[in-house]
Amino acid sequence: MHSLQNHAHKAVGSRQVKKAILKGTAKKVYIAQDAEKHVTRPLIELCQERNIEIEYVDSMAELGKACGIAVGSAAVALLSEQGKEVQD
Protein backbone atom coordinates (compact mmCIF):
# COMPACT_ATOMS: atom_id res chain seq x y z
CA MET A 1 0.00 0.00 0.00
CA HIS A 2 1.43 3.35 -0.98
CA SER A 3 1.15 6.35 1.32
CA LEU A 4 -2.30 7.87 1.16
CA GLN A 5 -1.13 10.96 3.04
CA ASN A 6 0.05 12.66 -0.15
CA HIS A 7 -3.06 11.79 -2.16
CA ALA A 8 -4.93 15.05 -2.56
CA HIS A 9 -8.42 13.64 -2.98
CA LYS A 10 -9.58 11.12 -0.40
CA ALA A 11 -12.43 10.35 1.96
CA VAL A 12 -11.47 9.07 5.41
CA GLY A 13 -13.87 7.13 7.62
CA SER A 14 -16.67 4.73 6.82
CA ARG A 15 -19.43 7.37 6.63
CA GLN A 16 -17.47 9.59 4.27
CA VAL A 17 -16.41 6.62 2.14
CA LYS A 18 -20.05 5.53 1.84
CA LYS A 19 -21.04 9.03 0.71
CA ALA A 20 -18.24 9.04 -1.89
CA ILE A 21 -19.30 5.65 -3.24
CA LEU A 22 -22.93 6.72 -3.50
CA LYS A 23 -21.95 10.00 -5.23
CA GLY A 24 -19.81 8.08 -7.71
CA THR A 25 -16.58 9.88 -6.79
CA ALA A 26 -14.75 6.90 -5.19
CA LYS A 27 -12.17 5.29 -7.51
CA LYS A 28 -10.61 2.83 -5.06
CA VAL A 29 -11.49 1.86 -1.50
CA TYR A 30 -9.14 0.61 1.21
CA ILE A 31 -10.74 -1.54 3.93
CA ALA A 32 -9.10 -2.41 7.27
CA GLN A 33 -9.43 -6.14 7.93
CA ASP A 34 -9.67 -5.66 11.69
CA ALA A 35 -12.60 -3.23 11.45
CA GLU A 36 -16.00 -4.40 12.63
CA LYS A 37 -17.77 -6.35 9.90
CA HIS A 38 -21.07 -4.52 10.37
CA VAL A 39 -19.19 -1.34 9.38
CA THR A 40 -17.23 -2.70 6.42
CA ARG A 41 -19.69 -5.19 4.92
CA PRO A 42 -22.04 -2.52 3.46
CA LEU A 43 -19.04 -0.69 1.94
CA ILE A 44 -17.74 -3.88 0.35
CA GLU A 45 -21.19 -4.64 -1.09
CA LEU A 46 -21.51 -1.12 -2.53
CA CYS A 47 -18.06 -1.38 -4.10
CA GLN A 48 -18.91 -4.73 -5.66
CA GLU A 49 -22.19 -3.39 -7.05
CA ARG A 50 -20.40 -0.40 -8.60
CA ASN A 51 -17.23 -2.23 -9.71
CA ILE A 52 -14.98 -0.14 -7.45
CA GLU A 53 -11.58 -1.66 -6.69
CA ILE A 54 -11.08 -2.75 -3.06
CA GLU A 55 -7.72 -3.19 -1.37
CA TYR A 56 -7.58 -4.78 2.06
CA VAL A 57 -5.20 -3.47 4.72
CA ASP A 58 -4.21 -5.41 7.84
CA SER A 59 -5.35 -2.92 10.46
CA MET A 60 -7.26 0.27 11.14
CA ALA A 61 -4.12 1.72 12.75
CA GLU A 62 -2.08 1.02 9.60
CA LEU A 63 -4.73 2.63 7.40
CA GLY A 64 -4.97 5.70 9.64
CA LYS A 65 -1.19 6.07 9.70
CA ALA A 66 -1.02 5.82 5.89
CA CYS A 67 -3.49 8.74 5.76
CA GLY A 68 -1.45 10.79 8.20
CA ILE A 69 -4.03 10.74 11.00
CA ALA A 70 -3.38 9.81 14.62
CA VAL A 71 -6.34 7.41 14.89
CA GLY A 72 -7.34 4.30 13.03
CA SER A 73 -9.76 4.26 10.12
CA ALA A 74 -12.02 1.42 8.96
CA ALA A 75 -12.06 2.68 5.38
CA VAL A 76 -10.51 5.22 3.03
CA ALA A 77 -11.50 6.04 -0.53
CA LEU A 78 -9.38 7.61 -3.24
CA LEU A 79 -11.57 10.09 -5.06
CA SER A 80 -11.78 11.20 -8.64
CA GLU A 81 -10.80 14.78 -9.42
CA GLN A 82 -14.33 16.11 -8.84
CA GLY A 83 -14.20 14.66 -5.31
CA LYS A 84 -12.66 16.68 -2.51
CA GLU A 85 -10.94 15.64 0.68
CA VAL A 86 -13.34 14.86 3.49
CA GLN A 87 -12.82 13.34 6.92
CA ASP A 88 -15.10 12.07 9.71
C-alpha atoms as a PDB file:
ATOM      1  CA  MET A   1       0.000   0.000   0.000  1.00  0.00           C
ATOM      2  CA  HIS A   2       1.427   3.346  -0.977  1.00  0.00           C
ATOM      3  CA  SER A   3       1.147   6.354   1.316  1.00  0.00           C
ATOM      4  CA  LEU A   4      -2.295   7.872   1.165  1.00  0.00           C
ATOM      5  CA  GLN A   5      -1.133  10.962   3.040  1.00  0.00           C
ATOM      6  CA  ASN A   6       0.051  12.657  -0.148  1.00  0.00           C
ATOM      7  CA  HIS A   7      -3.058  11.787  -2.156  1.00  0.00           C
ATOM      8  CA  ALA A   8      -4.933  15.052  -2.564  1.00  0.00           C
ATOM      9  CA  HIS A   9      -8.424  13.639  -2.984  1.00  0.00           C
ATOM     10  CA  LYS A  10      -9.576  11.119  -0.401  1.00  0.00           C
ATOM     11  CA  ALA A  11     -12.431  10.346   1.958  1.00  0.00           C
ATOM     12  CA  VAL A  12     -11.470   9.073   5.413  1.00  0.00           C
ATOM     13  CA  GLY A  13     -13.866   7.126   7.624  1.00  0.00           C
ATOM     14  CA  SER A  14     -16.671   4.730   6.821  1.00  0.00           C
ATOM     15  CA  ARG A  15     -19.433   7.371   6.631  1.00  0.00           C
ATOM     16  CA  GLN A  16     -17.474   9.591   4.269  1.00  0.00           C
ATOM     17  CA  VAL A  17     -16.410   6.621   2.145  1.00  0.00           C
ATOM     18  CA  LYS A  18     -20.049   5.526   1.839  1.00  0.00           C
ATOM     19  CA  LYS A  19     -21.036   9.030   0.706  1.00  0.00           C
ATOM     20  CA  ALA A  20     -18.241   9.043  -1.887  1.00  0.00           C
ATOM     21  CA  ILE A  21     -19.301   5.646  -3.236  1.00  0.00           C
ATOM     22  CA  LEU A  22     -22.933   6.724  -3.505  1.00  0.00           C
ATOM     23  CA  LYS A  23     -21.951  10.000  -5.226  1.00  0.00           C
ATOM     24  CA  GLY A  24     -19.814   8.077  -7.705  1.00  0.00           C
ATOM     25  CA  THR A  25     -16.581   9.885  -6.791  1.00  0.00           C
ATOM     26  CA  ALA A  26     -14.755   6.903  -5.194  1.00  0.00           C
ATOM     27  CA  LYS A  27     -12.168   5.291  -7.512  1.00  0.00           C
ATOM     28  CA  LYS A  28     -10.613   2.829  -5.059  1.00  0.00           C
ATOM     29  CA  VAL A  29     -11.488   1.858  -1.500  1.00  0.00           C
ATOM     30  CA  TYR A  30      -9.144   0.609   1.214  1.00  0.00           C
ATOM     31  CA  ILE A  31     -10.740  -1.537   3.934  1.00  0.00           C
ATOM     32  CA  ALA A  32      -9.104  -2.410   7.270  1.00  0.00           C
ATOM     33  CA  GLN A  33      -9.435  -6.137   7.925  1.00  0.00           C
ATOM     34  CA  ASP A  34      -9.673  -5.656  11.694  1.00  0.00           C
ATOM     35  CA  ALA A  35     -12.597  -3.228  11.451  1.00  0.00           C
ATOM     36  CA  GLU A  36     -16.002  -4.402  12.626  1.00  0.00           C
ATOM     37  CA  LYS A  37     -17.766  -6.347   9.901  1.00  0.00           C
ATOM     38  CA  HIS A  38     -21.068  -4.519  10.371  1.00  0.00           C
ATOM     39  CA  VAL A  39     -19.186  -1.345   9.382  1.00  0.00           C
ATOM     40  CA  THR A  40     -17.228  -2.700   6.420  1.00  0.00           C
ATOM     41  CA  ARG A  41     -19.694  -5.193   4.915  1.00  0.00           C
ATOM     42  CA  PRO A  42     -22.037  -2.517   3.458  1.00  0.00           C
ATOM     43  CA  LEU A  43     -19.043  -0.689   1.943  1.00  0.00           C
ATOM     44  CA  ILE A  44     -17.743  -3.876   0.353  1.00  0.00           C
ATOM     45  CA  GLU A  45     -21.189  -4.641  -1.088  1.00  0.00           C
ATOM     46  CA  LEU A  46     -21.506  -1.121  -2.529  1.00  0.00           C
ATOM     47  CA  CYS A  47     -18.057  -1.380  -4.101  1.00  0.00           C
ATOM     48  CA  GLN A  48     -18.906  -4.729  -5.664  1.00  0.00           C
ATOM     49  CA  GLU A  49     -22.192  -3.388  -7.055  1.00  0.00           C
ATOM     50  CA  ARG A  50     -20.401  -0.403  -8.600  1.00  0.00           C
ATOM     51  CA  ASN A  51     -17.230  -2.230  -9.708  1.00  0.00           C
ATOM     52  CA  ILE A  52     -14.977  -0.138  -7.453  1.00  0.00           C
ATOM     53  CA  GLU A  53     -11.581  -1.662  -6.686  1.00  0.00           C
ATOM     54  CA  ILE A  54     -11.081  -2.750  -3.064  1.00  0.00           C
ATOM     55  CA  GLU A  55      -7.716  -3.187  -1.366  1.00  0.00           C
ATOM     56  CA  TYR A  56      -7.584  -4.777   2.061  1.00  0.00           C
ATOM     57  CA  VAL A  57      -5.199  -3.466   4.721  1.00  0.00           C
ATOM     58  CA  ASP A  58      -4.211  -5.414   7.843  1.00  0.00           C
ATOM     59  CA  SER A  59      -5.346  -2.919  10.464  1.00  0.00           C
ATOM     60  CA  MET A  60      -7.259   0.268  11.135  1.00  0.00           C
ATOM     61  CA  ALA A  61      -4.118   1.723  12.747  1.00  0.00           C
ATOM     62  CA  GLU A  62      -2.079   1.022   9.599  1.00  0.00           C
ATOM     63  CA  LEU A  63      -4.732   2.632   7.400  1.00  0.00           C
ATOM     64  CA  GLY A  64      -4.973   5.696   9.637  1.00  0.00           C
ATOM     65  CA  LYS A  65      -1.187   6.067   9.700  1.00  0.00           C
ATOM     66  CA  ALA A  66      -1.025   5.823   5.891  1.00  0.00           C
ATOM     67  CA  CYS A  67      -3.486   8.738   5.759  1.00  0.00           C
ATOM     68  CA  GLY A  68      -1.454  10.795   8.199  1.00  0.00           C
ATOM     69  CA  ILE A  69      -4.028  10.740  11.004  1.00  0.00           C
ATOM     70  CA  ALA A  70      -3.375   9.812  14.624  1.00  0.00           C
ATOM     71  CA  VAL A  71      -6.336   7.415  14.894  1.00  0.00           C
ATOM     72  CA  GLY A  72      -7.344   4.297  13.028  1.00  0.00           C
ATOM     73  CA  SER A  73      -9.762   4.257  10.122  1.00  0.00           C
ATOM     74  CA  ALA A  74     -12.017   1.421   8.965  1.00  0.00           C
ATOM     75  CA  ALA A  75     -12.060   2.675   5.383  1.00  0.00           C
ATOM     76  CA  VAL A  76     -10.507   5.219   3.033  1.00  0.00           C
ATOM     77  CA  ALA A  77     -11.499   6.042  -0.532  1.00  0.00           C
ATOM     78  CA  LEU A  78      -9.380   7.611  -3.241  1.00  0.00           C
ATOM     79  CA  LEU A  79     -11.571  10.086  -5.060  1.00  0.00           C
ATOM     80  CA  SER A  80     -11.779  11.201  -8.640  1.00  0.00           C
ATOM     81  CA  GLU A  81     -10.798  14.784  -9.418  1.00  0.00           C
ATOM     82  CA  GLN A  82     -14.326  16.111  -8.840  1.00  0.00           C
ATOM     83  CA  GLY A  83     -14.204  14.665  -5.314  1.00  0.00           C
ATOM     84  CA  LYS A  84     -12.662  16.683  -2.511  1.00  0.00           C
ATOM     85  CA  GLU A  85     -10.936  15.643   0.676  1.00  0.00           C
ATOM     86  CA  VAL A  86     -13.342  14.859   3.486  1.00  0.00           C
ATOM     87  CA  GLN A  87     -12.824  13.342   6.918  1.00  0.00           C
ATOM     88  CA  ASP A  88     -15.097  12.072   9.713  1.00  0.00           C
END
